[in-house]
Each structure stands twice: as structure tokens, then as C-alpha cells.
PDB file of N, CA and C in Angstrom:
ATOM      1  N   ALA A   1     -39.734 -18.607 -13.407  1.00  0.00           N
ATOM      2  CA  ALA A   1     -39.153 -19.823 -12.862  1.00  0.00           C
ATOM      3  C   ALA A   1     -38.506 -20.646 -13.966  1.00  0.00           C
ATOM      4  N   ALA A   2     -39.083 -20.648 -15.147  1.00  0.00           N
ATOM      5  CA  ALA A   2     -38.533 -21.441 -16.244  1.00  0.00           C
ATOM      6  C   ALA A   2     -37.210 -20.875 -16.741  1.00  0.00           C
ATOM      7  N   ILE A   3     -37.016 -19.570 -16.600  1.00  0.00           N
ATOM      8  CA  ILE A   3     -35.788 -18.935 -17.067  1.00  0.00           C
ATOM      9  C   ILE A   3     -34.648 -19.158 -16.081  1.00  0.00           C
ATOM     10  N   LYS A   4     -34.963 -19.192 -14.813  1.00  0.00           N
ATOM     11  CA  LYS A   4     -33.944 -19.335 -13.777  1.00  0.00           C
ATOM     12  C   LYS A   4     -33.234 -20.684 -13.924  1.00  0.00           C
ATOM     13  N   ALA A   5     -31.909 -20.637 -13.840  1.00  0.00           N
ATOM     14  CA  ALA A   5     -31.122 -21.858 -13.980  1.00  0.00           C
ATOM     15  C   ALA A   5     -31.433 -22.828 -12.847  1.00  0.00           C
ATOM     16  N   LYS A   6     -31.451 -24.104 -13.197  1.00  0.00           N
ATOM     17  CA  LYS A   6     -31.704 -25.125 -12.188  1.00  0.00           C
ATOM     18  C   LYS A   6     -30.448 -25.302 -11.340  1.00  0.00           C
ATOM     19  N   ILE A   7     -30.625 -25.265 -10.040  1.00  0.00           N
ATOM     20  CA  ILE A   7     -29.519 -25.459  -9.113  1.00  0.00           C
ATOM     21  C   ILE A   7     -29.748 -26.783  -8.394  1.00  0.00           C
ATOM     22  N   ASP A   8     -28.761 -27.665  -8.474  1.00  0.00           N
ATOM     23  CA  ASP A   8     -28.866 -28.935  -7.770  1.00  0.00           C
ATOM     24  C   ASP A   8     -28.924 -28.686  -6.274  1.00  0.00           C
ATOM     25  N   LYS A   9     -29.410 -29.678  -5.556  1.00  0.00           N
ATOM     26  CA  LYS A   9     -29.608 -29.499  -4.126  1.00  0.00           C
ATOM     27  C   LYS A   9     -28.457 -30.035  -3.289  1.00  0.00           C
ATOM     28  N   ASP A  10     -27.438 -30.626  -3.916  1.00  0.00           N
ATOM     29  CA  ASP A  10     -26.330 -31.124  -3.123  1.00  0.00           C
ATOM     30  C   ASP A  10     -25.465 -29.957  -2.643  1.00  0.00           C
ATOM     31  N   TYR A  11     -24.702 -30.206  -1.594  1.00  0.00           N
ATOM     32  CA  TYR A  11     -23.943 -29.143  -0.923  1.00  0.00           C
ATOM     33  C   TYR A  11     -22.946 -28.474  -1.855  1.00  0.00           C
ATOM     34  N   LEU A  12     -22.182 -29.256  -2.610  1.00  0.00           N
ATOM     35  CA  LEU A  12     -21.166 -28.681  -3.483  1.00  0.00           C
ATOM     36  C   LEU A  12     -21.787 -27.792  -4.553  1.00  0.00           C
ATOM     37  N   SER A  13     -22.924 -28.170  -5.088  1.00  0.00           N
ATOM     38  CA  SER A  13     -23.601 -27.340  -6.093  1.00  0.00           C
ATOM     39  C   SER A  13     -24.054 -26.018  -5.498  1.00  0.00           C
ATOM     40  N   ARG A  14     -24.592 -26.069  -4.304  1.00  0.00           N
ATOM     41  CA  ARG A  14     -25.026 -24.832  -3.646  1.00  0.00           C
ATOM     42  C   ARG A  14     -23.839 -23.952  -3.273  1.00  0.00           C
ATOM     43  N   LEU A  15     -22.773 -24.584  -2.779  1.00  0.00           N
ATOM     44  CA  LEU A  15     -21.569 -23.841  -2.437  1.00  0.00           C
ATOM     45  C   LEU A  15     -20.982 -23.180  -3.685  1.00  0.00           C
ATOM     46  N   THR A  16     -20.974 -23.915  -4.780  1.00  0.00           N
ATOM     47  CA  THR A  16     -20.477 -23.373  -6.052  1.00  0.00           C
ATOM     48  C   THR A  16     -21.324 -22.195  -6.497  1.00  0.00           C
ATOM     49  N   ASP A  17     -22.633 -22.326  -6.381  1.00  0.00           N
ATOM     50  CA  ASP A  17     -23.530 -21.252  -6.775  1.00  0.00           C
ATOM     51  C   ASP A  17     -23.263 -19.983  -5.967  1.00  0.00           C
ATOM     52  N   VAL A  18     -22.987 -20.143  -4.689  1.00  0.00           N
ATOM     53  CA  VAL A  18     -22.733 -18.987  -3.818  1.00  0.00           C
ATOM     54  C   VAL A  18     -21.355 -18.383  -4.069  1.00  0.00           C
ATOM     55  N   LEU A  19     -20.319 -19.210  -4.049  1.00  0.00           N
ATOM     56  CA  LEU A  19     -18.962 -18.684  -4.108  1.00  0.00           C
ATOM     57  C   LEU A  19     -18.548 -18.185  -5.491  1.00  0.00           C
ATOM     58  N   THR A  20     -19.159 -18.689  -6.548  1.00  0.00           N
ATOM     59  CA  THR A  20     -18.796 -18.190  -7.880  1.00  0.00           C
ATOM     60  C   THR A  20     -19.398 -16.818  -8.162  1.00  0.00           C
ATOM     61  N   THR A  21     -20.221 -16.316  -7.265  1.00  0.00           N
ATOM     62  CA  THR A  21     -20.693 -14.935  -7.413  1.00  0.00           C
ATOM     63  C   THR A  21     -19.599 -13.958  -7.003  1.00  0.00           C
ATOM     64  N   ILE A  22     -18.572 -14.468  -6.324  1.00  0.00           N
ATOM     65  CA  ILE A  22     -17.426 -13.649  -5.930  1.00  0.00           C
ATOM     66  C   ILE A  22     -16.431 -13.651  -7.082  1.00  0.00           C
ATOM     67  N   LYS A  23     -16.245 -12.513  -7.682  1.00  0.00           N
ATOM     68  CA  LYS A  23     -15.284 -12.416  -8.782  1.00  0.00           C
ATOM     69  C   LYS A  23     -13.895 -12.371  -8.199  1.00  0.00           C
ATOM     70  N   PRO A  24     -12.935 -13.070  -8.670  1.00  0.00           N
ATOM     71  CA  PRO A  24     -12.818 -13.910  -9.856  1.00  0.00           C
ATOM     72  C   PRO A  24     -12.841 -15.418  -9.574  1.00  0.00           C
ATOM     73  N   LEU A  25     -13.549 -15.872  -8.533  1.00  0.00           N
ATOM     74  CA  LEU A  25     -13.591 -17.304  -8.225  1.00  0.00           C
ATOM     75  C   LEU A  25     -14.341 -18.077  -9.298  1.00  0.00           C
ATOM     76  N   ASN A  26     -13.879 -19.299  -9.559  1.00  0.00           N
ATOM     77  CA  ASN A  26     -14.539 -20.165 -10.529  1.00  0.00           C
ATOM     78  C   ASN A  26     -14.848 -21.514  -9.873  1.00  0.00           C
ATOM     79  N   ARG A  27     -15.460 -22.399 -10.645  1.00  0.00           N
ATOM     80  CA  ARG A  27     -15.881 -23.700 -10.102  1.00  0.00           C
ATOM     81  C   ARG A  27     -14.704 -24.520  -9.571  1.00  0.00           C
ATOM     82  N   THR A  28     -13.596 -24.479 -10.269  1.00  0.00           N
ATOM     83  CA  THR A  28     -12.413 -25.222  -9.827  1.00  0.00           C
ATOM     84  C   THR A  28     -11.935 -24.710  -8.471  1.00  0.00           C
ATOM     85  N   ASP A  29     -11.962 -23.408  -8.286  1.00  0.00           N
ATOM     86  CA  ASP A  29     -11.574 -22.815  -7.001  1.00  0.00           C
ATOM     87  C   ASP A  29     -12.493 -23.293  -5.885  1.00  0.00           C
ATOM     88  N   VAL A  30     -13.776 -23.374  -6.166  1.00  0.00           N
ATOM     89  CA  VAL A  30     -14.745 -23.812  -5.154  1.00  0.00           C
ATOM     90  C   VAL A  30     -14.484 -25.261  -4.762  1.00  0.00           C
ATOM     91  N   VAL A  31     -14.192 -26.111  -5.728  1.00  0.00           N
ATOM     92  CA  VAL A  31     -13.879 -27.509  -5.429  1.00  0.00           C
ATOM     93  C   VAL A  31     -12.629 -27.584  -4.554  1.00  0.00           C
ATOM     94  N   THR A  32     -11.618 -26.797  -4.890  1.00  0.00           N
ATOM     95  CA  THR A  32     -10.396 -26.756  -4.087  1.00  0.00           C
ATOM     96  C   THR A  32     -10.700 -26.322  -2.658  1.00  0.00           C
ATOM     97  N   LEU A  33     -11.498 -25.272  -2.505  1.00  0.00           N
ATOM     98  CA  LEU A  33     -11.854 -24.787  -1.170  1.00  0.00           C
ATOM     99  C   LEU A  33     -12.665 -25.828  -0.397  1.00  0.00           C
ATOM    100  N   ALA A  34     -13.607 -26.477  -1.077  1.00  0.00           N
ATOM    101  CA  ALA A  34     -14.439 -27.487  -0.420  1.00  0.00           C
ATOM    102  C   ALA A  34     -13.593 -28.670   0.045  1.00  0.00           C
ATOM    103  N   ARG A  35     -12.652 -29.095  -0.781  1.00  0.00           N
ATOM    104  CA  ARG A  35     -11.787 -30.216  -0.394  1.00  0.00           C
ATOM    105  C   ARG A  35     -10.835 -29.828   0.727  1.00  0.00           C
ATOM    106  N   THR A  36     -10.374 -28.597   0.711  1.00  0.00           N
ATOM    107  CA  THR A  36      -9.413 -28.150   1.715  1.00  0.00           C
ATOM    108  C   THR A  36     -10.073 -27.870   3.060  1.00  0.00           C
ATOM    109  N   PHE A  37     -11.214 -27.169   3.031  1.00  0.00           N
ATOM    110  CA  PHE A  37     -11.825 -26.704   4.278  1.00  0.00           C
ATOM    111  C   PHE A  37     -13.080 -27.469   4.677  1.00  0.00           C
ATOM    112  N   GLY A  38     -13.786 -28.025   3.730  1.00  0.00           N
ATOM    113  CA  GLY A  38     -14.954 -28.842   4.044  1.00  0.00           C
ATOM    114  C   GLY A  38     -16.281 -28.123   4.107  1.00  0.00           C
ATOM    115  N   SER A  39     -16.299 -26.867   4.527  1.00  0.00           N
ATOM    116  CA  SER A  39     -17.577 -26.159   4.640  1.00  0.00           C
ATOM    117  C   SER A  39     -17.377 -24.665   4.413  1.00  0.00           C
ATOM    118  N   LEU A  40     -18.466 -23.996   4.105  1.00  0.00           N
ATOM    119  CA  LEU A  40     -18.419 -22.544   3.942  1.00  0.00           C
ATOM    120  C   LEU A  40     -17.996 -21.870   5.240  1.00  0.00           C
ATOM    121  N   SER A  41     -18.456 -22.383   6.341  1.00  0.00           N
ATOM    122  CA  SER A  41     -18.086 -21.833   7.640  1.00  0.00           C
ATOM    123  C   SER A  41     -16.574 -21.893   7.847  1.00  0.00           C
ATOM    124  N   ASP A  42     -15.967 -23.018   7.506  1.00  0.00           N
ATOM    125  CA  ASP A  42     -14.520 -23.155   7.662  1.00  0.00           C
ATOM    126  C   ASP A  42     -13.760 -22.265   6.682  1.00  0.00           C
ATOM    127  N   VAL A  43     -14.292 -22.075   5.480  1.00  0.00           N
ATOM    128  CA  VAL A  43     -13.677 -21.160   4.513  1.00  0.00           C
ATOM    129  C   VAL A  43     -13.746 -19.741   5.069  1.00  0.00           C
ATOM    130  N   ALA A  44     -14.894 -19.361   5.590  1.00  0.00           N
ATOM    131  CA  ALA A  44     -15.076 -18.010   6.122  1.00  0.00           C
ATOM    132  C   ALA A  44     -14.172 -17.735   7.316  1.00  0.00           C
ATOM    133  N   ASN A  45     -13.875 -18.758   8.093  1.00  0.00           N
ATOM    134  CA  ASN A  45     -13.040 -18.595   9.282  1.00  0.00           C
ATOM    135  C   ASN A  45     -11.555 -18.802   9.015  1.00  0.00           C
ATOM    136  N   ALA A  46     -11.205 -19.162   7.792  1.00  0.00           N
ATOM    137  CA  ALA A  46      -9.800 -19.411   7.455  1.00  0.00           C
ATOM    138  C   ALA A  46      -9.017 -18.106   7.410  1.00  0.00           C
ATOM    139  N   ASP A  47      -7.759 -18.174   7.809  1.00  0.00           N
ATOM    140  CA  ASP A  47      -6.911 -16.991   7.724  1.00  0.00           C
ATOM    141  C   ASP A  47      -6.358 -16.859   6.300  1.00  0.00           C
ATOM    142  N   LEU A  48      -5.794 -15.702   6.024  1.00  0.00           N
ATOM    143  CA  LEU A  48      -5.288 -15.422   4.676  1.00  0.00           C
ATOM    144  C   LEU A  48      -4.222 -16.423   4.244  1.00  0.00           C
ATOM    145  N   LYS A  49      -3.334 -16.818   5.145  1.00  0.00           N
ATOM    146  CA  LYS A  49      -2.274 -17.754   4.790  1.00  0.00           C
ATOM    147  C   LYS A  49      -2.847 -19.103   4.370  1.00  0.00           C
ATOM    148  N   SER A  50      -3.835 -19.587   5.098  1.00  0.00           N
ATOM    149  CA  SER A  50      -4.464 -20.870   4.755  1.00  0.00           C
ATOM    150  C   SER A  50      -5.131 -20.804   3.393  1.00  0.00           C
ATOM    151  N   LEU A  51      -5.774 -19.682   3.110  1.00  0.00           N
ATOM    152  CA  LEU A  51      -6.415 -19.520   1.802  1.00  0.00           C
ATOM    153  C   LEU A  51      -5.371 -19.454   0.690  1.00  0.00           C
ATOM    154  N   LYS A  52      -4.274 -18.732   0.933  1.00  0.00           N
ATOM    155  CA  LYS A  52      -3.215 -18.611  -0.078  1.00  0.00           C
ATOM    156  C   LYS A  52      -2.526 -19.934  -0.346  1.00  0.00           C
ATOM    157  N   ASP A  53      -2.542 -20.848   0.625  1.00  0.00           N
ATOM    158  CA  ASP A  53      -1.908 -22.151   0.457  1.00  0.00           C
ATOM    159  C   ASP A  53      -2.696 -23.078  -0.469  1.00  0.00           C
ATOM    160  N   CYS A  54      -3.928 -22.713  -0.792  1.00  0.00           N
ATOM    161  CA  CYS A  54      -4.734 -23.528  -1.698  1.00  0.00           C
ATOM    162  C   CYS A  54      -4.219 -23.374  -3.130  1.00  0.00           C
ATOM    163  N   PRO A  55      -3.990 -24.496  -3.819  1.00  0.00           N
ATOM    164  CA  PRO A  55      -3.511 -24.400  -5.200  1.00  0.00           C
ATOM    165  C   PRO A  55      -4.521 -23.684  -6.096  1.00  0.00           C
ATOM    166  N   GLY A  56      -4.020 -22.791  -6.928  1.00  0.00           N
ATOM    167  CA  GLY A  56      -4.877 -22.069  -7.864  1.00  0.00           C
ATOM    168  C   GLY A  56      -5.447 -20.774  -7.331  1.00  0.00           C
ATOM    169  N   LEU A  57      -5.289 -20.535  -6.046  1.00  0.00           N
ATOM    170  CA  LEU A  57      -5.809 -19.297  -5.462  1.00  0.00           C
ATOM    171  C   LEU A  57      -4.660 -18.317  -5.263  1.00  0.00           C
ATOM    172  N   GLY A  58      -4.613 -17.317  -6.101  1.00  0.00           N
ATOM    173  CA  GLY A  58      -3.592 -16.294  -5.979  1.00  0.00           C
ATOM    174  C   GLY A  58      -4.045 -15.177  -5.068  1.00  0.00           C
ATOM    175  N   ASP A  59      -3.209 -14.158  -4.981  1.00  0.00           N
ATOM    176  CA  ASP A  59      -3.481 -13.029  -4.081  1.00  0.00           C
ATOM    177  C   ASP A  59      -4.808 -12.347  -4.374  1.00  0.00           C
ATOM    178  N   LYS A  60      -5.121 -12.148  -5.659  1.00  0.00           N
ATOM    179  CA  LYS A  60      -6.354 -11.447  -6.038  1.00  0.00           C
ATOM    180  C   LYS A  60      -7.594 -12.232  -5.607  1.00  0.00           C
ATOM    181  N   LYS A  61      -7.601 -13.537  -5.864  1.00  0.00           N
ATOM    182  CA  LYS A  61      -8.747 -14.365  -5.492  1.00  0.00           C
ATOM    183  C   LYS A  61      -8.895 -14.446  -3.973  1.00  0.00           C
ATOM    184  N   VAL A  62      -7.776 -14.623  -3.290  1.00  0.00           N
ATOM    185  CA  VAL A  62      -7.806 -14.722  -1.831  1.00  0.00           C
ATOM    186  C   VAL A  62      -8.321 -13.429  -1.217  1.00  0.00           C
ATOM    187  N   LYS A  63      -7.843 -12.299  -1.695  1.00  0.00           N
ATOM    188  CA  LYS A  63      -8.288 -11.004  -1.166  1.00  0.00           C
ATOM    189  C   LYS A  63      -9.779 -10.808  -1.402  1.00  0.00           C
ATOM    190  N   SER A  64     -10.245 -11.113  -2.617  1.00  0.00           N
ATOM    191  CA  SER A  64     -11.676 -10.963  -2.925  1.00  0.00           C
ATOM    192  C   SER A  64     -12.523 -11.841  -2.017  1.00  0.00           C
ATOM    193  N   LEU A  65     -12.138 -13.109  -1.890  1.00  0.00           N
ATOM    194  CA  LEU A  65     -12.882 -14.049  -1.054  1.00  0.00           C
ATOM    195  C   LEU A  65     -12.882 -13.594   0.405  1.00  0.00           C
ATOM    196  N   HIS A  66     -11.728 -13.259   0.926  1.00  0.00           N
ATOM    197  CA  HIS A  66     -11.616 -12.841   2.327  1.00  0.00           C
ATOM    198  C   HIS A  66     -12.415 -11.571   2.596  1.00  0.00           C
ATOM    199  N   ASP A  67     -12.338 -10.611   1.673  1.00  0.00           N
ATOM    200  CA  ASP A  67     -13.084  -9.361   1.853  1.00  0.00           C
ATOM    201  C   ASP A  67     -14.589  -9.603   1.883  1.00  0.00           C
ATOM    202  N   VAL A  68     -15.080 -10.403   0.968  1.00  0.00           N
ATOM    203  CA  VAL A  68     -16.523 -10.670   0.904  1.00  0.00           C
ATOM    204  C   VAL A  68     -17.006 -11.366   2.173  1.00  0.00           C
ATOM    205  N   LEU A  69     -16.220 -12.300   2.659  1.00  0.00           N
ATOM    206  CA  LEU A  69     -16.660 -13.085   3.815  1.00  0.00           C
ATOM    207  C   LEU A  69     -16.399 -12.417   5.159  1.00  0.00           C
ATOM    208  N   ASN A  70     -15.602 -11.355   5.178  1.00  0.00           N
ATOM    209  CA  ASN A  70     -15.235 -10.762   6.465  1.00  0.00           C
ATOM    210  C   ASN A  70     -15.571  -9.293   6.638  1.00  0.00           C
ATOM    211  N   LYS A  71     -15.922  -8.609   5.590  1.00  0.00           N
ATOM    212  CA  LYS A  71     -16.269  -7.194   5.729  1.00  0.00           C
ATOM    213  C   LYS A  71     -17.761  -7.053   5.996  1.00  0.00           C
ATOM    214  N   PRO A  72     -18.145  -6.044   6.764  1.00  0.00           N
ATOM    215  CA  PRO A  72     -19.574  -5.816   7.040  1.00  0.00           C
ATOM    216  C   PRO A  72     -20.363  -5.561   5.751  1.00  0.00           C
ATOM    217  N   PHE A  73     -21.645  -5.897   5.776  1.00  0.00           N
ATOM    218  CA  PHE A  73     -22.501  -5.762   4.605  1.00  0.00           C
ATOM    219  C   PHE A  73     -22.977  -4.338   4.356  1.00  0.00           C
ATOM    220  N   SER A  74     -22.934  -3.504   5.370  1.00  0.00           N
ATOM    221  CA  SER A  74     -23.491  -2.172   5.193  1.00  0.00           C
ATOM    222  C   SER A  74     -22.544  -1.103   5.720  1.00  0.00           C
ATOM    223  N   LEU A  75     -22.769   0.111   5.271  1.00  0.00           N
ATOM    224  CA  LEU A  75     -21.998   1.255   5.741  1.00  0.00           C
ATOM    225  C   LEU A  75     -22.224   1.483   7.228  1.00  0.00           C
ATOM    226  N   ALA A  76     -23.455   1.294   7.675  1.00  0.00           N
ATOM    227  CA  ALA A  76     -23.765   1.481   9.094  1.00  0.00           C
ATOM    228  C   ALA A  76     -23.003   0.468   9.944  1.00  0.00           C
ATOM    229  N   ALA A  77     -22.919  -0.773   9.475  1.00  0.00           N
ATOM    230  CA  ALA A  77     -22.179  -1.797  10.212  1.00  0.00           C
ATOM    231  C   ALA A  77     -20.698  -1.460  10.243  1.00  0.00           C
ATOM    232  N   THR A  78     -20.186  -0.933   9.160  1.00  0.00           N
ATOM    233  CA  THR A  78     -18.779  -0.515   9.111  1.00  0.00           C
ATOM    234  C   THR A  78     -18.525   0.584  10.128  1.00  0.00           C
ATOM    235  N   ARG A  79     -19.412   1.547  10.183  1.00  0.00           N
ATOM    236  CA  ARG A  79     -19.260   2.643  11.140  1.00  0.00           C
ATOM    237  C   ARG A  79     -19.306   2.137  12.566  1.00  0.00           C
ATOM    238  N   ARG A  80     -20.254   1.244  12.854  1.00  0.00           N
ATOM    239  CA  ARG A  80     -20.356   0.676  14.207  1.00  0.00           C
ATOM    240  C   ARG A  80     -19.086  -0.096  14.549  1.00  0.00           C
ATOM    241  N   ARG A  81     -18.607  -0.860  13.610  1.00  0.00           N
ATOM    242  CA  ARG A  81     -17.403  -1.672  13.830  1.00  0.00           C
ATOM    243  C   ARG A  81     -16.192  -0.766  14.097  1.00  0.00           C
ATOM    244  N   ASN A  82     -16.060   0.294  13.331  1.00  0.00           N
ATOM    245  CA  ASN A  82     -14.929   1.215  13.512  1.00  0.00           C
ATOM    246  C   ASN A  82     -14.997   1.939  14.842  1.00  0.00           C
ATOM    247  N   ASN A  83     -16.183   2.205  15.331  1.00  0.00           N
ATOM    248  CA  ASN A  83     -16.328   2.868  16.626  1.00  0.00           C
ATOM    249  C   ASN A  83     -16.015   1.931  17.783  1.00  0.00           C
ATOM    250  N   LEU A  84     -16.208   0.638  17.575  1.00  0.00           N
ATOM    251  CA  LEU A  84     -15.962  -0.340  18.623  1.00  0.00           C
ATOM    252  C   LEU A  84     -14.488  -0.719  18.709  1.00  0.00           C
ATOM    253  N   ILE A  85     -13.788  -0.597  17.623  1.00  0.00           N
ATOM    254  CA  ILE A  85     -12.393  -1.053  17.578  1.00  0.00           C
ATOM    255  C   ILE A  85     -11.466   0.032  18.055  1.00  0.00           C
TER     256      ILE A  85
END
């Protein structure tokens, strides 16, 4: 517990902690997303064009973010999804 970095309990700190695990997003990108969309739910539901319209977010960052938030977590889920579509 002493080694683990202290994470503040406010929303922006938690959002930053989560979204900066997505490479190549950084803290500035998270602030931009939070100001633009307001919540993780709204970021996850945003279309590619809306994400690309955010200053500082290029194609690579937008693709990484969109893929992480919209692709299934497992191979089995991917297979189920492909069979349903």
C-alpha cells in the first residue's frame, strides 16, 4: 500500500488515472476530454468526429481511445458480437 501511488478522490483525478492508461493519452488530453464531454460515459459514447474535433487529439489518439472504449474485452465476446452482426 505504501508503494502504490496516492490517487485523489475527485472525479478528474480518477478519470485521469483511468484514461492515461490508454496509450498515447496524457493528462492534458484527459482535461480536454473532460471539458468537452463532461463524463467518461459521454466520452465513450462520442463518435469519432466529435473526438477528432478535440484540440490536441490526433488520429492515433482518437483511434486508441475509441478502440479501447468500444471493442469487446474478450475473444469470446468478439466472436459472439461477430455472430450477431
